[in-house]
């Protein structure tokens, strides 16, 4: 899910809903260049383009290996 208008506050609930799940999130795990952002500002921030994907717990290690190989930053911000 592309994160644009509405920031994480739009994209995360949409993907959780599409997976027919609930979720527990840790906003402090979100990578941000601006460490001064409050949790609310980070949740609604539209300035940093991001993508949200849902990865099955059984495939997290595979996902991490792909990210390492591709030199792609990632953060696990929650669990469904």
PDB file of N, CA and C in Angstrom:
ATOM      1  N   UNK A   1       0.853  -1.165   0.000  1.00  0.00           N
ATOM      2  CA  UNK A   1       0.000   0.000   0.000  1.00  0.00           C
ATOM      3  C   UNK A   1       0.895   1.223   0.000  1.00  0.00           C
ATOM      4  N   UNK A   2       0.691   2.101  -0.959  1.00  0.00           N
ATOM      5  CA  UNK A   2       1.437   3.346  -1.055  1.00  0.00           C
ATOM      6  C   UNK A   2       0.962   4.285   0.042  1.00  0.00           C
ATOM      7  N   UNK A   3       1.899   4.896   0.740  1.00  0.00           N
ATOM      8  CA  UNK A   3       1.552   5.863   1.780  1.00  0.00           C
ATOM      9  C   UNK A   3       1.685   7.250   1.171  1.00  0.00           C
ATOM     10  N   UNK A   4       0.587   7.950   1.053  1.00  0.00           N
ATOM     11  CA  UNK A   4       0.591   9.299   0.514  1.00  0.00           C
ATOM     12  C   UNK A   4      -0.278  10.168   1.393  1.00  0.00           C
ATOM     13  N   UNK A   5      -1.366  10.645   0.835  1.00  0.00           N
ATOM     14  CA  UNK A   5      -2.290  11.507   1.581  1.00  0.00           C
ATOM     15  C   UNK A   5      -2.768  10.800   2.841  1.00  0.00           C
ATOM     16  N   UNK A   6      -2.625  11.467   3.955  1.00  0.00           N
ATOM     17  CA  UNK A   6      -3.056  10.906   5.227  1.00  0.00           C
ATOM     18  C   UNK A   6      -1.968  10.159   5.965  1.00  0.00           C
ATOM     19  N   UNK A   7      -0.855   9.890   5.287  1.00  0.00           N
ATOM     20  CA  UNK A   7       0.268   9.225   5.937  1.00  0.00           C
ATOM     21  C   UNK A   7      -0.085   7.830   6.429  1.00  0.00           C
ATOM     22  N   UNK A   8       0.635   7.405   7.445  1.00  0.00           N
ATOM     23  CA  UNK A   8       0.405   6.086   8.024  1.00  0.00           C
ATOM     24  C   UNK A   8      -1.000   5.954   8.588  1.00  0.00           C
ATOM     25  N   UNK A   9      -1.571   7.082   9.034  1.00  0.00           N
ATOM     26  CA  UNK A   9      -2.915   7.049   9.632  1.00  0.00           C
ATOM     27  C   UNK A   9      -3.974   6.615   8.633  1.00  0.00           C
ATOM     28  N   UNK A  10      -3.670   6.699   7.357  1.00  0.00           N
ATOM     29  CA  UNK A  10      -4.584   6.252   6.314  1.00  0.00           C
ATOM     30  C   UNK A  10      -4.214   4.848   5.837  1.00  0.00           C
ATOM     31  N   UNK A  11      -2.942   4.629   5.540  1.00  0.00           N
ATOM     32  CA  UNK A  11      -2.498   3.380   4.927  1.00  0.00           C
ATOM     33  C   UNK A  11      -2.571   2.180   5.867  1.00  0.00           C
ATOM     34  N   UNK A  12      -2.149   2.352   7.111  1.00  0.00           N
ATOM     35  CA  UNK A  12      -2.128   1.216   8.036  1.00  0.00           C
ATOM     36  C   UNK A  12      -3.541   0.693   8.320  1.00  0.00           C
ATOM     37  N   UNK A  13      -4.501   1.536   8.694  1.00  0.00           N
ATOM     38  CA  UNK A  13      -5.850   1.001   8.909  1.00  0.00           C
ATOM     39  C   UNK A  13      -6.444   0.344   7.657  1.00  0.00           C
ATOM     40  N   UNK A  14      -6.132   0.870   6.479  1.00  0.00           N
ATOM     41  CA  UNK A  14      -6.660   0.272   5.252  1.00  0.00           C
ATOM     42  C   UNK A  14      -6.122  -1.138   5.045  1.00  0.00           C
ATOM     43  N   UNK A  15      -4.812  -1.333   5.219  1.00  0.00           N
ATOM     44  CA  UNK A  15      -4.258  -2.664   4.991  1.00  0.00           C
ATOM     45  C   UNK A  15      -4.695  -3.640   6.076  1.00  0.00           C
ATOM     46  N   UNK A  16      -4.822  -3.163   7.298  1.00  0.00           N
ATOM     47  CA  UNK A  16      -5.315  -4.022   8.384  1.00  0.00           C
ATOM     48  C   UNK A  16      -6.755  -4.444   8.090  1.00  0.00           C
ATOM     49  N   UNK A  17      -7.564  -3.505   7.650  1.00  0.00           N
ATOM     50  CA  UNK A  17      -8.961  -3.807   7.301  1.00  0.00           C
ATOM     51  C   UNK A  17      -9.020  -4.789   6.133  1.00  0.00           C
ATOM     52  N   UNK A  18      -8.204  -4.554   5.093  1.00  0.00           N
ATOM     53  CA  UNK A  18      -8.195  -5.432   3.923  1.00  0.00           C
ATOM     54  C   UNK A  18      -7.789  -6.860   4.282  1.00  0.00           C
ATOM     55  N   UNK A  19      -6.999  -7.012   5.350  1.00  0.00           N
ATOM     56  CA  UNK A  19      -6.585  -8.347   5.801  1.00  0.00           C
ATOM     57  C   UNK A  19      -7.605  -8.943   6.778  1.00  0.00           C
ATOM     58  N   UNK A  20      -8.668  -8.180   7.056  1.00  0.00           N
ATOM     59  CA  UNK A  20      -9.724  -8.613   7.982  1.00  0.00           C
ATOM     60  C   UNK A  20      -9.145  -8.964   9.355  1.00  0.00           C
ATOM     61  N   UNK A  21      -8.315  -8.054   9.847  1.00  0.00           N
ATOM     62  CA  UNK A  21      -7.639  -8.245  11.125  1.00  0.00           C
ATOM     63  C   UNK A  21      -7.709  -6.985  11.972  1.00  0.00           C
ATOM     64  N   UNK A  22      -7.232  -7.108  13.176  1.00  0.00           N
ATOM     65  CA  UNK A  22      -6.925  -5.983  14.035  1.00  0.00           C
ATOM     66  C   UNK A  22      -5.404  -5.920  14.119  1.00  0.00           C
ATOM     67  N   UNK A  23      -4.853  -4.900  14.748  1.00  0.00           N
ATOM     68  CA  UNK A  23      -3.394  -4.810  14.824  1.00  0.00           C
ATOM     69  C   UNK A  23      -2.958  -4.080  16.076  1.00  0.00           C
ATOM     70  N   UNK A  24      -1.775  -4.433  16.530  1.00  0.00           N
ATOM     71  CA  UNK A  24      -1.104  -3.730  17.615  1.00  0.00           C
ATOM     72  C   UNK A  24       0.132  -3.085  17.001  1.00  0.00           C
ATOM     73  N   UNK A  25       0.256  -1.770  17.141  1.00  0.00           N
ATOM     74  CA  UNK A  25       1.321  -1.012  16.467  1.00  0.00           C
ATOM     75  C   UNK A  25       2.293  -0.389  17.459  1.00  0.00           C
ATOM     76  N   UNK A  26       3.510  -0.207  17.019  1.00  0.00           N
ATOM     77  CA  UNK A  26       4.553   0.496  17.769  1.00  0.00           C
ATOM     78  C   UNK A  26       5.093   1.608  16.898  1.00  0.00           C
ATOM     79  N   UNK A  27       4.573   2.816  17.067  1.00  0.00           N
ATOM     80  CA  UNK A  27       5.019   3.935  16.238  1.00  0.00           C
ATOM     81  C   UNK A  27       6.492   4.259  16.432  1.00  0.00           C
ATOM     82  N   UNK A  28       7.047   3.938  17.581  1.00  0.00           N
ATOM     83  CA  UNK A  28       8.471   4.245  17.791  1.00  0.00           C
ATOM     84  C   UNK A  28       9.373   3.404  16.895  1.00  0.00           C
ATOM     85  N   UNK A  29       8.815   2.361  16.255  1.00  0.00           N
ATOM     86  CA  UNK A  29       9.598   1.559  15.312  1.00  0.00           C
ATOM     87  C   UNK A  29       9.653   2.172  13.913  1.00  0.00           C
ATOM     88  N   UNK A  30       8.828   3.170  13.650  1.00  0.00           N
ATOM     89  CA  UNK A  30       8.794   3.813  12.336  1.00  0.00           C
ATOM     90  C   UNK A  30      10.089   4.597  12.131  1.00  0.00           C
ATOM     91  N   UNK A  31      10.750   4.352  11.018  1.00  0.00           N
ATOM     92  CA  UNK A  31      11.993   5.056  10.699  1.00  0.00           C
ATOM     93  C   UNK A  31      11.655   6.467  10.244  1.00  0.00           C
ATOM     94  N   UNK A  32      12.321   7.453  10.837  1.00  0.00           N
ATOM     95  CA  UNK A  32      12.071   8.847  10.479  1.00  0.00           C
ATOM     96  C   UNK A  32      13.365   9.641  10.525  1.00  0.00           C
ATOM     97  N   UNK A  33      13.573  10.460   9.517  1.00  0.00           N
ATOM     98  CA  UNK A  33      14.753  11.333   9.497  1.00  0.00           C
ATOM     99  C   UNK A  33      14.618  12.460  10.520  1.00  0.00           C
ATOM    100  N   UNK A  34      13.372  12.797  10.875  1.00  0.00           N
ATOM    101  CA  UNK A  34      13.107  13.884  11.820  1.00  0.00           C
ATOM    102  C   UNK A  34      12.731  13.303  13.177  1.00  0.00           C
ATOM    103  N   UNK A  35      13.691  13.209  14.061  1.00  0.00           N
ATOM    104  CA  UNK A  35      13.481  12.613  15.387  1.00  0.00           C
ATOM    105  C   UNK A  35      12.628  13.487  16.301  1.00  0.00           C
ATOM    106  N   UNK A  36      12.341  14.717  15.885  1.00  0.00           N
ATOM    107  CA  UNK A  36      11.555  15.617  16.734  1.00  0.00           C
ATOM    108  C   UNK A  36      10.042  15.424  16.561  1.00  0.00           C
ATOM    109  N   UNK A  37       9.631  14.593  15.600  1.00  0.00           N
ATOM    110  CA  UNK A  37       8.197  14.406  15.367  1.00  0.00           C
ATOM    111  C   UNK A  37       7.525  13.720  16.551  1.00  0.00           C
ATOM    112  N   UNK A  38       6.400  14.260  16.960  1.00  0.00           N
ATOM    113  CA  UNK A  38       5.600  13.618  18.005  1.00  0.00           C
ATOM    114  C   UNK A  38       4.953  12.367  17.403  1.00  0.00           C
ATOM    115  N   UNK A  39       4.464  11.444  18.233  1.00  0.00           N
ATOM    116  CA  UNK A  39       3.765  10.278  17.687  1.00  0.00           C
ATOM    117  C   UNK A  39       2.617  10.672  16.753  1.00  0.00           C
ATOM    118  N   UNK A  40       1.859  11.687  17.097  1.00  0.00           N
ATOM    119  CA  UNK A  40       0.743  12.122  16.250  1.00  0.00           C
ATOM    120  C   UNK A  40       1.249  12.670  14.914  1.00  0.00           C
ATOM    121  N   UNK A  41       2.318  13.469  14.961  1.00  0.00           N
ATOM    122  CA  UNK A  41       2.879  14.014  13.726  1.00  0.00           C
ATOM    123  C   UNK A  41       3.425  12.899  12.843  1.00  0.00           C
ATOM    124  N   UNK A  42       4.079  11.909  13.436  1.00  0.00           N
ATOM    125  CA  UNK A  42       4.608  10.774  12.679  1.00  0.00           C
ATOM    126  C   UNK A  42       3.472   9.960  12.065  1.00  0.00           C
ATOM    127  N   UNK A  43       2.410   9.751  12.819  1.00  0.00           N
ATOM    128  CA  UNK A  43       1.242   8.982  12.364  1.00  0.00           C
ATOM    129  C   UNK A  43       0.584   9.641  11.162  1.00  0.00           C
ATOM    130  N   UNK A  44       0.564  10.964  11.119  1.00  0.00           N
ATOM    131  CA  UNK A  44      -0.126  11.702  10.052  1.00  0.00           C
ATOM    132  C   UNK A  44       0.827  12.285   9.011  1.00  0.00           C
ATOM    133  N   UNK A  45       2.124  12.064   9.153  1.00  0.00           N
ATOM    134  CA  UNK A  45       3.129  12.672   8.288  1.00  0.00           C
ATOM    135  C   UNK A  45       2.994  12.192   6.846  1.00  0.00           C
ATOM    136  N   UNK A  46       2.843  13.143   5.933  1.00  0.00           N
ATOM    137  CA  UNK A  46       2.761  12.843   4.500  1.00  0.00           C
ATOM    138  C   UNK A  46       4.060  13.161   3.775  1.00  0.00           C
ATOM    139  N   UNK A  47       5.037  13.690   4.489  1.00  0.00           N
ATOM    140  CA  UNK A  47       6.252  14.192   3.854  1.00  0.00           C
ATOM    141  C   UNK A  47       7.180  13.078   3.366  1.00  0.00           C
ATOM    142  N   UNK A  48       7.174  11.951   4.022  1.00  0.00           N
ATOM    143  CA  UNK A  48       8.095  10.884   3.666  1.00  0.00           C
ATOM    144  C   UNK A  48       7.331   9.766   2.970  1.00  0.00           C
ATOM    145  N   UNK A  49       7.648   9.540   1.701  1.00  0.00           N
ATOM    146  CA  UNK A  49       6.979   8.469   0.961  1.00  0.00           C
ATOM    147  C   UNK A  49       7.384   7.120   1.533  1.00  0.00           C
ATOM    148  N   UNK A  50       6.379   6.295   1.741  1.00  0.00           N
ATOM    149  CA  UNK A  50       6.589   4.972   2.310  1.00  0.00           C
ATOM    150  C   UNK A  50       5.638   3.997   1.658  1.00  0.00           C
ATOM    151  N   UNK A  51       5.903   2.725   1.893  1.00  0.00           N
ATOM    152  CA  UNK A  51       4.990   1.664   1.493  1.00  0.00           C
ATOM    153  C   UNK A  51       4.716   0.801   2.701  1.00  0.00           C
ATOM    154  N   UNK A  52       3.511   0.301   2.773  1.00  0.00           N
ATOM    155  CA  UNK A  52       3.114  -0.605   3.845  1.00  0.00           C
ATOM    156  C   UNK A  52       2.806  -1.945   3.198  1.00  0.00           C
ATOM    157  N   UNK A  53       3.371  -3.007   3.746  1.00  0.00           N
ATOM    158  CA  UNK A  53       3.006  -4.340   3.268  1.00  0.00           C
ATOM    159  C   UNK A  53       2.705  -5.222   4.473  1.00  0.00           C
ATOM    160  N   UNK A  54       1.829  -6.158   4.261  1.00  0.00           N
ATOM    161  CA  UNK A  54       1.526  -7.155   5.277  1.00  0.00           C
ATOM    162  C   UNK A  54       2.320  -8.406   4.931  1.00  0.00           C
ATOM    163  N   UNK A  55       3.098  -8.894   5.881  1.00  0.00           N
ATOM    164  CA  UNK A  55       3.921 -10.087   5.680  1.00  0.00           C
ATOM    165  C   UNK A  55       3.531 -11.110   6.735  1.00  0.00           C
ATOM    166  N   UNK A  56       3.259 -12.310   6.281  1.00  0.00           N
ATOM    167  CA  UNK A  56       2.935 -13.390   7.208  1.00  0.00           C
ATOM    168  C   UNK A  56       4.095 -13.611   8.170  1.00  0.00           C
ATOM    169  N   UNK A  57       3.782 -13.865   9.424  1.00  0.00           N
ATOM    170  CA  UNK A  57       4.813 -14.103  10.440  1.00  0.00           C
ATOM    171  C   UNK A  57       5.769 -15.215   9.990  1.00  0.00           C
ATOM    172  N   UNK A  58       5.253 -16.196   9.283  1.00  0.00           N
ATOM    173  CA  UNK A  58       6.081 -17.321   8.833  1.00  0.00           C
ATOM    174  C   UNK A  58       7.086 -16.921   7.742  1.00  0.00           C
ATOM    175  N   UNK A  59       6.937 -15.721   7.181  1.00  0.00           N
ATOM    176  CA  UNK A  59       7.826 -15.288   6.092  1.00  0.00           C
ATOM    177  C   UNK A  59       8.662 -14.057   6.442  1.00  0.00           C
ATOM    178  N   UNK A  60       8.646 -13.667   7.725  1.00  0.00           N
ATOM    179  CA  UNK A  60       9.391 -12.470   8.153  1.00  0.00           C
ATOM    180  C   UNK A  60      10.886 -12.618   7.863  1.00  0.00           C
ATOM    181  N   UNK A  61      11.471 -13.757   8.171  1.00  0.00           N
ATOM    182  CA  UNK A  61      12.910 -13.940   7.938  1.00  0.00           C
ATOM    183  C   UNK A  61      13.245 -13.838   6.449  1.00  0.00           C
ATOM    184  N   UNK A  62      12.399 -14.404   5.609  1.00  0.00           N
ATOM    185  CA  UNK A  62      12.597 -14.294   4.161  1.00  0.00           C
ATOM    186  C   UNK A  62      12.529 -12.830   3.724  1.00  0.00           C
ATOM    187  N   UNK A  63      11.555 -12.095   4.264  1.00  0.00           N
ATOM    188  CA  UNK A  63      11.411 -10.670   3.968  1.00  0.00           C
ATOM    189  C   UNK A  63      12.666  -9.900   4.387  1.00  0.00           C
ATOM    190  N   UNK A  64      13.177 -10.169   5.580  1.00  0.00           N
ATOM    191  CA  UNK A  64      14.378  -9.489   6.062  1.00  0.00           C
ATOM    192  C   UNK A  64      15.574  -9.752   5.150  1.00  0.00           C
ATOM    193  N   UNK A  65      15.719 -10.991   4.685  1.00  0.00           N
ATOM    194  CA  UNK A  65      16.823 -11.340   3.788  1.00  0.00           C
ATOM    195  C   UNK A  65      16.719 -10.586   2.462  1.00  0.00           C
ATOM    196  N   UNK A  66      15.513 -10.479   1.945  1.00  0.00           N
ATOM    197  CA  UNK A  66      15.307  -9.730   0.698  1.00  0.00           C
ATOM    198  C   UNK A  66      15.676  -8.269   0.903  1.00  0.00           C
ATOM    199  N   UNK A  67      15.227  -7.683   2.008  1.00  0.00           N
ATOM    200  CA  UNK A  67      15.542  -6.280   2.291  1.00  0.00           C
ATOM    201  C   UNK A  67      17.041  -6.068   2.434  1.00  0.00           C
ATOM    202  N   UNK A  68      17.716  -6.999   3.098  1.00  0.00           N
ATOM    203  CA  UNK A  68      19.173  -6.879   3.248  1.00  0.00           C
ATOM    204  C   UNK A  68      19.854  -6.968   1.887  1.00  0.00           C
ATOM    205  N   UNK A  69      19.443  -7.928   1.073  1.00  0.00           N
ATOM    206  CA  UNK A  69      20.025  -8.107  -0.255  1.00  0.00           C
ATOM    207  C   UNK A  69      19.835  -6.862  -1.123  1.00  0.00           C
ATOM    208  N   UNK A  70      18.653  -6.255  -1.038  1.00  0.00           N
ATOM    209  CA  UNK A  70      18.322  -5.091  -1.860  1.00  0.00           C
ATOM    210  C   UNK A  70      18.707  -3.765  -1.204  1.00  0.00           C
ATOM    211  N   UNK A  71      19.289  -3.832  -0.011  1.00  0.00           N
ATOM    212  CA  UNK A  71      19.653  -2.633   0.762  1.00  0.00           C
ATOM    213  C   UNK A  71      18.474  -1.703   0.954  1.00  0.00           C
ATOM    214  N   UNK A  72      17.388  -2.301   1.362  1.00  0.00           N
ATOM    215  CA  UNK A  72      16.118  -1.588   1.544  1.00  0.00           C
ATOM    216  C   UNK A  72      15.794  -1.471   3.030  1.00  0.00           C
ATOM    217  N   UNK A  73      15.670  -0.240   3.497  1.00  0.00           N
ATOM    218  CA  UNK A  73      15.270  -0.034   4.884  1.00  0.00           C
ATOM    219  C   UNK A  73      13.859  -0.553   5.105  1.00  0.00           C
ATOM    220  N   UNK A  74      13.616  -1.087   6.277  1.00  0.00           N
ATOM    221  CA  UNK A  74      12.266  -1.533   6.634  1.00  0.00           C
ATOM    222  C   UNK A  74      12.102  -1.400   8.140  1.00  0.00           C
ATOM    223  N   UNK A  75      10.890  -1.403   8.569  1.00  0.00           N
ATOM    224  CA  UNK A  75      10.578  -1.418   9.992  1.00  0.00           C
ATOM    225  C   UNK A  75       9.339  -2.275  10.190  1.00  0.00           C
ATOM    226  N   UNK A  76       9.394  -3.113  11.181  1.00  0.00           N
ATOM    227  CA  UNK A  76       8.205  -3.875  11.565  1.00  0.00           C
ATOM    228  C   UNK A  76       7.502  -3.036  12.619  1.00  0.00           C
ATOM    229  N   UNK A  77       6.364  -2.474  12.235  1.00  0.00           N
ATOM    230  CA  UNK A  77       5.687  -1.514  13.114  1.00  0.00           C
ATOM    231  C   UNK A  77       4.496  -2.124  13.852  1.00  0.00           C
ATOM    232  N   UNK A  78       4.240  -3.402  13.628  1.00  0.00           N
ATOM    233  CA  UNK A  78       3.130  -4.005  14.344  1.00  0.00           C
ATOM    234  C   UNK A  78       2.861  -5.430  13.945  1.00  0.00           C
ATOM    235  N   UNK A  79       1.880  -5.989  14.621  1.00  0.00           N
ATOM    236  CA  UNK A  79       1.458  -7.360  14.382  1.00  0.00           C
ATOM    237  C   UNK A  79      -0.053  -7.414  14.352  1.00  0.00           C
ATOM    238  N   UNK A  80      -0.566  -8.230  13.442  1.00  0.00           N
ATOM    239  CA  UNK A  80      -2.021  -8.417  13.340  1.00  0.00           C
ATOM    240  C   UNK A  80      -2.433  -9.570  14.237  1.00  0.00           C
TER     241      UNK A  80
END
